[in-house]
PDB file of N, CA and C in Angstrom:
ATOM      1  N   MET A   1       0.793  -1.179   0.057  1.00  0.00           N
ATOM      2  CA  MET A   1       0.033  -0.014   0.009  1.00  0.00           C
ATOM      3  C   MET A   1       0.859   1.265   0.032  1.00  0.00           C
ATOM      4  N   GLU A   2       2.004   1.245   0.687  1.00  0.00           N
ATOM      5  CA  GLU A   2       2.841   2.363   0.854  1.00  0.00           C
ATOM      6  C   GLU A   2       3.339   2.775  -0.646  1.00  0.00           C
ATOM      7  N   GLU A   3       3.859   1.823  -1.344  1.00  0.00           N
ATOM      8  CA  GLU A   3       4.312   2.057  -2.775  1.00  0.00           C
ATOM      9  C   GLU A   3       3.202   2.569  -3.711  1.00  0.00           C
ATOM     10  N   TYR A   4       2.007   1.986  -3.513  1.00  0.00           N
ATOM     11  CA  TYR A   4       0.824   2.340  -4.283  1.00  0.00           C
ATOM     12  C   TYR A   4       0.414   3.745  -4.022  1.00  0.00           C
ATOM     13  N   LEU A   5       0.535   4.108  -2.779  1.00  0.00           N
ATOM     14  CA  LEU A   5       0.154   5.520  -2.370  1.00  0.00           C
ATOM     15  C   LEU A   5       1.310   6.490  -2.989  1.00  0.00           C
ATOM     16  N   LYS A   6       2.528   6.059  -2.890  1.00  0.00           N
ATOM     17  CA  LYS A   6       3.562   7.006  -3.481  1.00  0.00           C
ATOM     18  C   LYS A   6       3.393   7.248  -4.975  1.00  0.00           C
ATOM     19  N   LYS A   7       2.954   6.168  -5.678  1.00  0.00           N
ATOM     20  CA  LYS A   7       2.660   6.288  -7.113  1.00  0.00           C
ATOM     21  C   LYS A   7       1.387   7.116  -7.449  1.00  0.00           C
ATOM     22  N   ASN A   8       0.479   7.303  -6.505  1.00  0.00           N
ATOM     23  CA  ASN A   8      -0.730   7.922  -6.668  1.00  0.00           C
ATOM     24  C   ASN A   8      -0.930   9.114  -5.924  1.00  0.00           C
ATOM     25  N   ALA A   9       0.195   9.907  -5.761  1.00  0.00           N
ATOM     26  CA  ALA A   9       0.139  11.143  -5.056  1.00  0.00           C
ATOM     27  C   ALA A   9      -0.393  11.084  -3.584  1.00  0.00           C
ATOM     28  N   GLY A  10      -0.184   9.887  -2.955  1.00  0.00           N
ATOM     29  CA  GLY A  10      -0.545   9.843  -1.543  1.00  0.00           C
ATOM     30  C   GLY A  10      -2.076   9.592  -1.318  1.00  0.00           C
ATOM     31  N   SER A  11      -2.851   9.274  -2.319  1.00  0.00           N
ATOM     32  CA  SER A  11      -4.265   9.125  -2.105  1.00  0.00           C
ATOM     33  C   SER A  11      -4.883   8.042  -2.941  1.00  0.00           C
ATOM     34  N   LEU A  12      -6.074   7.649  -2.500  1.00  0.00           N
ATOM     35  CA  LEU A  12      -6.916   6.612  -3.207  1.00  0.00           C
ATOM     36  C   LEU A  12      -8.097   7.324  -3.728  1.00  0.00           C
ATOM     37  N   SER A  13      -8.675   6.837  -4.766  1.00  0.00           N
ATOM     38  CA  SER A  13     -10.036   7.321  -5.228  1.00  0.00           C
ATOM     39  C   SER A  13     -11.038   6.815  -4.208  1.00  0.00           C
ATOM     40  N   GLU A  14     -12.175   7.375  -4.355  1.00  0.00           N
ATOM     41  CA  GLU A  14     -13.271   6.977  -3.410  1.00  0.00           C
ATOM     42  C   GLU A  14     -13.625   5.472  -3.635  1.00  0.00           C
ATOM     43  N   ASP A  15     -13.639   5.027  -4.840  1.00  0.00           N
ATOM     44  CA  ASP A  15     -13.974   3.569  -5.141  1.00  0.00           C
ATOM     45  C   ASP A  15     -12.853   2.755  -4.514  1.00  0.00           C
ATOM     46  N   GLU A  16     -11.567   3.122  -4.708  1.00  0.00           N
ATOM     47  CA  GLU A  16     -10.445   2.311  -4.174  1.00  0.00           C
ATOM     48  C   GLU A  16     -10.464   2.290  -2.685  1.00  0.00           C
ATOM     49  N   THR A  17     -10.808   3.398  -2.045  1.00  0.00           N
ATOM     50  CA  THR A  17     -10.967   3.458  -0.639  1.00  0.00           C
ATOM     51  C   THR A  17     -11.957   2.508  -0.047  1.00  0.00           C
ATOM     52  N   ILE A  18     -13.169   2.543  -0.761  1.00  0.00           N
ATOM     53  CA  ILE A  18     -14.262   1.600  -0.297  1.00  0.00           C
ATOM     54  C   ILE A  18     -13.835   0.128  -0.412  1.00  0.00           C
ATOM     55  N   LEU A  19     -13.148  -0.250  -1.470  1.00  0.00           N
ATOM     56  CA  LEU A  19     -12.670  -1.624  -1.624  1.00  0.00           C
ATOM     57  C   LEU A  19     -11.584  -1.950  -0.633  1.00  0.00           C
ATOM     58  N   VAL A  20     -10.595  -1.137  -0.428  1.00  0.00           N
ATOM     59  CA  VAL A  20      -9.514  -1.412   0.547  1.00  0.00           C
ATOM     60  C   VAL A  20     -10.124  -1.452   1.988  1.00  0.00           C
ATOM     61  N   MET A  21     -10.938  -0.497   2.342  1.00  0.00           N
ATOM     62  CA  MET A  21     -11.539  -0.488   3.690  1.00  0.00           C
ATOM     63  C   MET A  21     -12.374  -1.717   3.850  1.00  0.00           C
ATOM     64  N   GLY A  22     -13.189  -2.144   2.898  1.00  0.00           N
ATOM     65  CA  GLY A  22     -13.916  -3.399   3.019  1.00  0.00           C
ATOM     66  C   GLY A  22     -13.038  -4.617   3.309  1.00  0.00           C
ATOM     67  N   GLU A  23     -11.980  -4.728   2.619  1.00  0.00           N
ATOM     68  CA  GLU A  23     -11.097  -5.835   2.749  1.00  0.00           C
ATOM     69  C   GLU A  23     -10.348  -5.764   4.122  1.00  0.00           C
ATOM     70  N   LEU A  24      -9.991  -4.573   4.561  1.00  0.00           N
ATOM     71  CA  LEU A  24      -9.354  -4.422   5.891  1.00  0.00           C
ATOM     72  C   LEU A  24     -10.389  -4.746   6.943  1.00  0.00           C
ATOM     73  N   LEU A  25     -11.638  -4.309   6.809  1.00  0.00           N
ATOM     74  CA  LEU A  25     -12.568  -4.671   7.787  1.00  0.00           C
ATOM     75  C   LEU A  25     -12.765  -6.175   7.946  1.00  0.00           C
ATOM     76  N   GLU A  26     -12.785  -6.909   6.832  1.00  0.00           N
ATOM     77  CA  GLU A  26     -12.829  -8.362   6.837  1.00  0.00           C
ATOM     78  C   GLU A  26     -11.679  -8.961   7.614  1.00  0.00           C
ATOM     79  N   ALA A  27     -10.505  -8.434   7.254  1.00  0.00           N
ATOM     80  CA  ALA A  27      -9.274  -8.877   8.028  1.00  0.00           C
ATOM     81  C   ALA A  27      -9.330  -8.516   9.457  1.00  0.00           C
ATOM     82  N   PHE A  28      -9.771  -7.461   9.841  1.00  0.00           N
ATOM     83  CA  PHE A  28      -9.905  -7.089  11.279  1.00  0.00           C
ATOM     84  C   PHE A  28     -10.899  -8.017  11.932  1.00  0.00           C
ATOM     85  N   MET A  29     -12.053  -8.334  11.286  1.00  0.00           N
ATOM     86  CA  MET A  29     -12.983  -9.226  11.908  1.00  0.00           C
ATOM     87  C   MET A  29     -12.446 -10.585  12.053  1.00  0.00           C
ATOM     88  N   GLU A  30     -11.624 -11.071  11.059  1.00  0.00           N
ATOM     89  CA  GLU A  30     -10.956 -12.355  11.279  1.00  0.00           C
ATOM     90  C   GLU A  30     -10.006 -12.375  12.415  1.00  0.00           C
ATOM     91  N   MET A  31      -9.180 -11.319  12.509  1.00  0.00           N
ATOM     92  CA  MET A  31      -8.233 -11.167  13.690  1.00  0.00           C
ATOM     93  C   MET A  31      -8.971 -11.103  15.011  1.00  0.00           C
ATOM     94  N   ASN A  32     -10.085 -10.370  15.010  1.00  0.00           N
ATOM     95  CA  ASN A  32     -10.892 -10.329  16.262  1.00  0.00           C
ATOM     96  C   ASN A  32     -11.445 -11.672  16.655  1.00  0.00           C
ATOM     97  N   GLU A  33     -11.893 -12.522  15.665  1.00  0.00           N
ATOM     98  CA  GLU A  33     -12.384 -13.835  16.012  1.00  0.00           C
ATOM     99  C   GLU A  33     -11.277 -14.634  16.624  1.00  0.00           C
ATOM    100  N   LYS A  34     -10.001 -14.399  16.247  1.00  0.00           N
ATOM    101  CA  LYS A  34      -8.890 -15.132  16.807  1.00  0.00           C
ATOM    102  C   LYS A  34      -8.269 -14.477  17.980  1.00  0.00           C
ATOM    103  N   ASN A  35      -8.875 -13.440  18.440  1.00  0.00           N
ATOM    104  CA  ASN A  35      -8.420 -12.585  19.637  1.00  0.00           C
ATOM    105  C   ASN A  35      -7.037 -12.126  19.387  1.00  0.00           C
ATOM    106  N   LEU A  36      -6.741 -11.625  18.194  1.00  0.00           N
ATOM    107  CA  LEU A  36      -5.425 -11.173  17.747  1.00  0.00           C
ATOM    108  C   LEU A  36      -5.461  -9.679  17.461  1.00  0.00           C
ATOM    109  N   MET A  37      -4.533  -8.963  18.047  1.00  0.00           N
ATOM    110  CA  MET A  37      -4.300  -7.552  17.850  1.00  0.00           C
ATOM    111  C   MET A  37      -3.050  -7.333  17.039  1.00  0.00           C
ATOM    112  N   HIS A  38      -3.072  -6.729  15.974  1.00  0.00           N
ATOM    113  CA  HIS A  38      -1.861  -6.514  15.127  1.00  0.00           C
ATOM    114  C   HIS A  38      -0.895  -5.449  15.839  1.00  0.00           C
ATOM    115  N   ARG A  39      -1.350  -4.357  16.197  1.00  0.00           N
ATOM    116  CA  ARG A  39      -0.626  -3.321  16.822  1.00  0.00           C
ATOM    117  C   ARG A  39       0.433  -2.579  16.069  1.00  0.00           C
ATOM    118  N   ASP A  40       0.438  -2.653  14.674  1.00  0.00           N
ATOM    119  CA  ASP A  40       1.407  -1.909  13.922  1.00  0.00           C
ATOM    120  C   ASP A  40       0.753  -1.733  12.467  1.00  0.00           C
ATOM    121  N   ILE A  41      -0.553  -1.365  12.455  1.00  0.00           N
ATOM    122  CA  ILE A  41      -1.129  -1.116  11.073  1.00  0.00           C
ATOM    123  C   ILE A  41      -0.709   0.173  10.546  1.00  0.00           C
ATOM    124  N   LYS A  42      -0.078   0.119   9.366  1.00  0.00           N
ATOM    125  CA  LYS A  42       0.371   1.347   8.582  1.00  0.00           C
ATOM    126  C   LYS A  42       0.449   0.892   7.137  1.00  0.00           C
ATOM    127  N   PRO A  43       0.560   1.846   6.287  1.00  0.00           N
ATOM    128  CA  PRO A  43       0.480   1.533   4.818  1.00  0.00           C
ATOM    129  C   PRO A  43       1.598   0.480   4.468  1.00  0.00           C
ATOM    130  N   ALA A  44       2.822   0.542   5.068  1.00  0.00           N
ATOM    131  CA  ALA A  44       3.859  -0.385   4.720  1.00  0.00           C
ATOM    132  C   ALA A  44       3.465  -1.838   5.120  1.00  0.00           C
ATOM    133  N   ASN A  45       2.539  -2.038   6.037  1.00  0.00           N
ATOM    134  CA  ASN A  45       2.141  -3.333   6.452  1.00  0.00           C
ATOM    135  C   ASN A  45       0.840  -3.879   5.804  1.00  0.00           C
ATOM    136  N   ILE A  46       0.341  -2.991   4.871  1.00  0.00           N
ATOM    137  CA  ILE A  46      -0.818  -3.442   4.075  1.00  0.00           C
ATOM    138  C   ILE A  46      -0.326  -3.706   2.688  1.00  0.00           C
ATOM    139  N   LEU A  47      -0.381  -4.958   2.219  1.00  0.00           N
ATOM    140  CA  LEU A  47       0.143  -5.352   0.905  1.00  0.00           C
ATOM    141  C   LEU A  47      -1.054  -5.554  -0.054  1.00  0.00           C
ATOM    142  N   ILE A  48      -0.717  -5.251  -1.344  1.00  0.00           N
ATOM    143  CA  ILE A  48      -1.619  -5.531  -2.388  1.00  0.00           C
ATOM    144  C   ILE A  48      -1.005  -6.726  -3.209  1.00  0.00           C
ATOM    145  N   HIS A  49      -1.732  -7.848  -3.260  1.00  0.00           N
ATOM    146  CA  HIS A  49      -1.261  -8.999  -3.999  1.00  0.00           C
ATOM    147  C   HIS A  49      -2.339  -9.586  -4.793  1.00  0.00           C
ATOM    148  N   ASN A  50      -2.143  -9.581  -6.177  1.00  0.00           N
ATOM    149  CA  ASN A  50      -3.096  -9.977  -7.137  1.00  0.00           C
ATOM    150  C   ASN A  50      -4.471  -9.321  -6.913  1.00  0.00           C
ATOM    151  N   GLY A  51      -4.428  -8.062  -6.608  1.00  0.00           N
ATOM    152  CA  GLY A  51      -5.643  -7.322  -6.397  1.00  0.00           C
ATOM    153  C   GLY A  51      -6.319  -7.444  -5.065  1.00  0.00           C
ATOM    154  N   LYS A  52      -5.726  -8.225  -4.142  1.00  0.00           N
ATOM    155  CA  LYS A  52      -6.260  -8.468  -2.873  1.00  0.00           C
ATOM    156  C   LYS A  52      -5.439  -7.760  -1.766  1.00  0.00           C
ATOM    157  N   ILE A  53      -6.052  -7.352  -0.732  1.00  0.00           N
ATOM    158  CA  ILE A  53      -5.381  -6.650   0.433  1.00  0.00           C
ATOM    159  C   ILE A  53      -4.925  -7.714   1.417  1.00  0.00           C
ATOM    160  N   LYS A  54      -3.834  -7.641   1.805  1.00  0.00           N
ATOM    161  CA  LYS A  54      -3.220  -8.576   2.895  1.00  0.00           C
ATOM    162  C   LYS A  54      -2.466  -7.773   3.927  1.00  0.00           C
ATOM    163  N   ILE A  55      -2.670  -8.209   5.184  1.00  0.00           N
ATOM    164  CA  ILE A  55      -1.941  -7.530   6.235  1.00  0.00           C
ATOM    165  C   ILE A  55      -0.716  -8.360   6.603  1.00  0.00           C
ATOM    166  N   ALA A  56       0.422  -7.682   6.771  1.00  0.00           N
ATOM    167  CA  ALA A  56       1.742  -8.313   6.992  1.00  0.00           C
ATOM    168  C   ALA A  56       2.338  -7.795   8.232  1.00  0.00           C
ATOM    169  N   ASP A  57       3.495  -8.347   8.600  1.00  0.00           N
ATOM    170  CA  ASP A  57       4.340  -7.989   9.752  1.00  0.00           C
ATOM    171  C   ASP A  57       3.487  -8.016  11.056  1.00  0.00           C
ATOM    172  N   PHE A  58       3.375  -9.279  11.586  1.00  0.00           N
ATOM    173  CA  PHE A  58       2.736  -9.525  12.810  1.00  0.00           C
ATOM    174  C   PHE A  58       3.623  -9.573  13.967  1.00  0.00           C
ATOM    175  N   GLY A  59       4.830  -8.915  13.805  1.00  0.00           N
ATOM    176  CA  GLY A  59       5.877  -8.966  14.824  1.00  0.00           C
ATOM    177  C   GLY A  59       5.546  -8.261  16.133  1.00  0.00           C
ATOM    178  N   PHE A  60       4.638  -7.355  16.163  1.00  0.00           N
ATOM    179  CA  PHE A  60       4.206  -6.665  17.396  1.00  0.00           C
ATOM    180  C   PHE A  60       2.787  -7.215  17.798  1.00  0.00           C
ATOM    181  N   SER A  61       2.307  -8.189  17.068  1.00  0.00           N
ATOM    182  CA  SER A  61       0.894  -8.580  17.394  1.00  0.00           C
ATOM    183  C   SER A  61       0.841  -9.310  18.751  1.00  0.00           C
ATOM    184  N   ARG A  62      -0.356  -9.476  19.178  1.00  0.00           N
ATOM    185  CA  ARG A  62      -0.577 -10.172  20.469  1.00  0.00           C
ATOM    186  C   ARG A  62      -1.928 -10.863  20.424  1.00  0.00           C
ATOM    187  N   VAL A  63      -1.910 -12.047  21.003  1.00  0.00           N
ATOM    188  CA  VAL A  63      -3.118 -12.845  21.180  1.00  0.00           C
ATOM    189  C   VAL A  63      -3.592 -12.515  22.572  1.00  0.00           C
ATOM    190  N   PHE A  64      -4.901 -12.085  22.764  1.00  0.00           N
ATOM    191  CA  PHE A  64      -5.492 -11.827  23.893  1.00  0.00           C
ATOM    192  C   PHE A  64      -6.233 -13.037  24.489  1.00  0.00           C
ATOM    193  N   GLU A  65      -6.012 -13.329  25.785  1.00  0.00           N
ATOM    194  CA  GLU A  65      -6.730 -14.389  26.429  1.00  0.00           C
ATOM    195  C   GLU A  65      -7.822 -13.797  27.212  1.00  0.00           C
ATOM    196  N   GLU A  66      -8.774 -14.656  27.581  1.00  0.00           N
ATOM    197  CA  GLU A  66      -9.950 -14.094  28.355  1.00  0.00           C
ATOM    198  C   GLU A  66      -9.392 -13.482  29.727  1.00  0.00           C
ATOM    199  N   GLY A  67      -9.842 -12.375  30.022  1.00  0.00           N
ATOM    200  CA  GLY A  67      -9.369 -11.683  31.202  1.00  0.00           C
ATOM    201  C   GLY A  67      -8.299 -10.677  31.080  1.00  0.00           C
ATOM    202  N   ASP A  68      -7.631 -10.689  29.882  1.00  0.00           N
ATOM    203  CA  ASP A  68      -6.625  -9.631  29.622  1.00  0.00           C
ATOM    204  C   ASP A  68      -7.197  -8.284  29.553  1.00  0.00           C
ATOM    205  N   SER A  69      -6.498  -7.350  30.096  1.00  0.00           N
ATOM    206  CA  SER A  69      -7.110  -6.006  30.109  1.00  0.00           C
ATOM    207  C   SER A  69      -6.195  -4.973  29.252  1.00  0.00           C
ATOM    208  N   SER A  70      -5.001  -5.422  28.796  1.00  0.00           N
ATOM    209  CA  SER A  70      -4.150  -4.487  27.977  1.00  0.00           C
ATOM    210  C   SER A  70      -3.516  -5.374  26.907  1.00  0.00           C
TER     211      SER A  70
END
């Protein structure tokens, strides 16, 4: 995503934004079902592969167990 934004003057069209946000929402819902928090979402960690959005670099991620407060 970072490279894509650089090539496109730092912005997405409205249609592109809707598609990207929809796919990110699906990814966040999947992570939520697995009690996983990424903790480092930024354009460099959002990849575009074959027209699909993928979240990368889970180095700072954390799996939350029942009763965790932070």
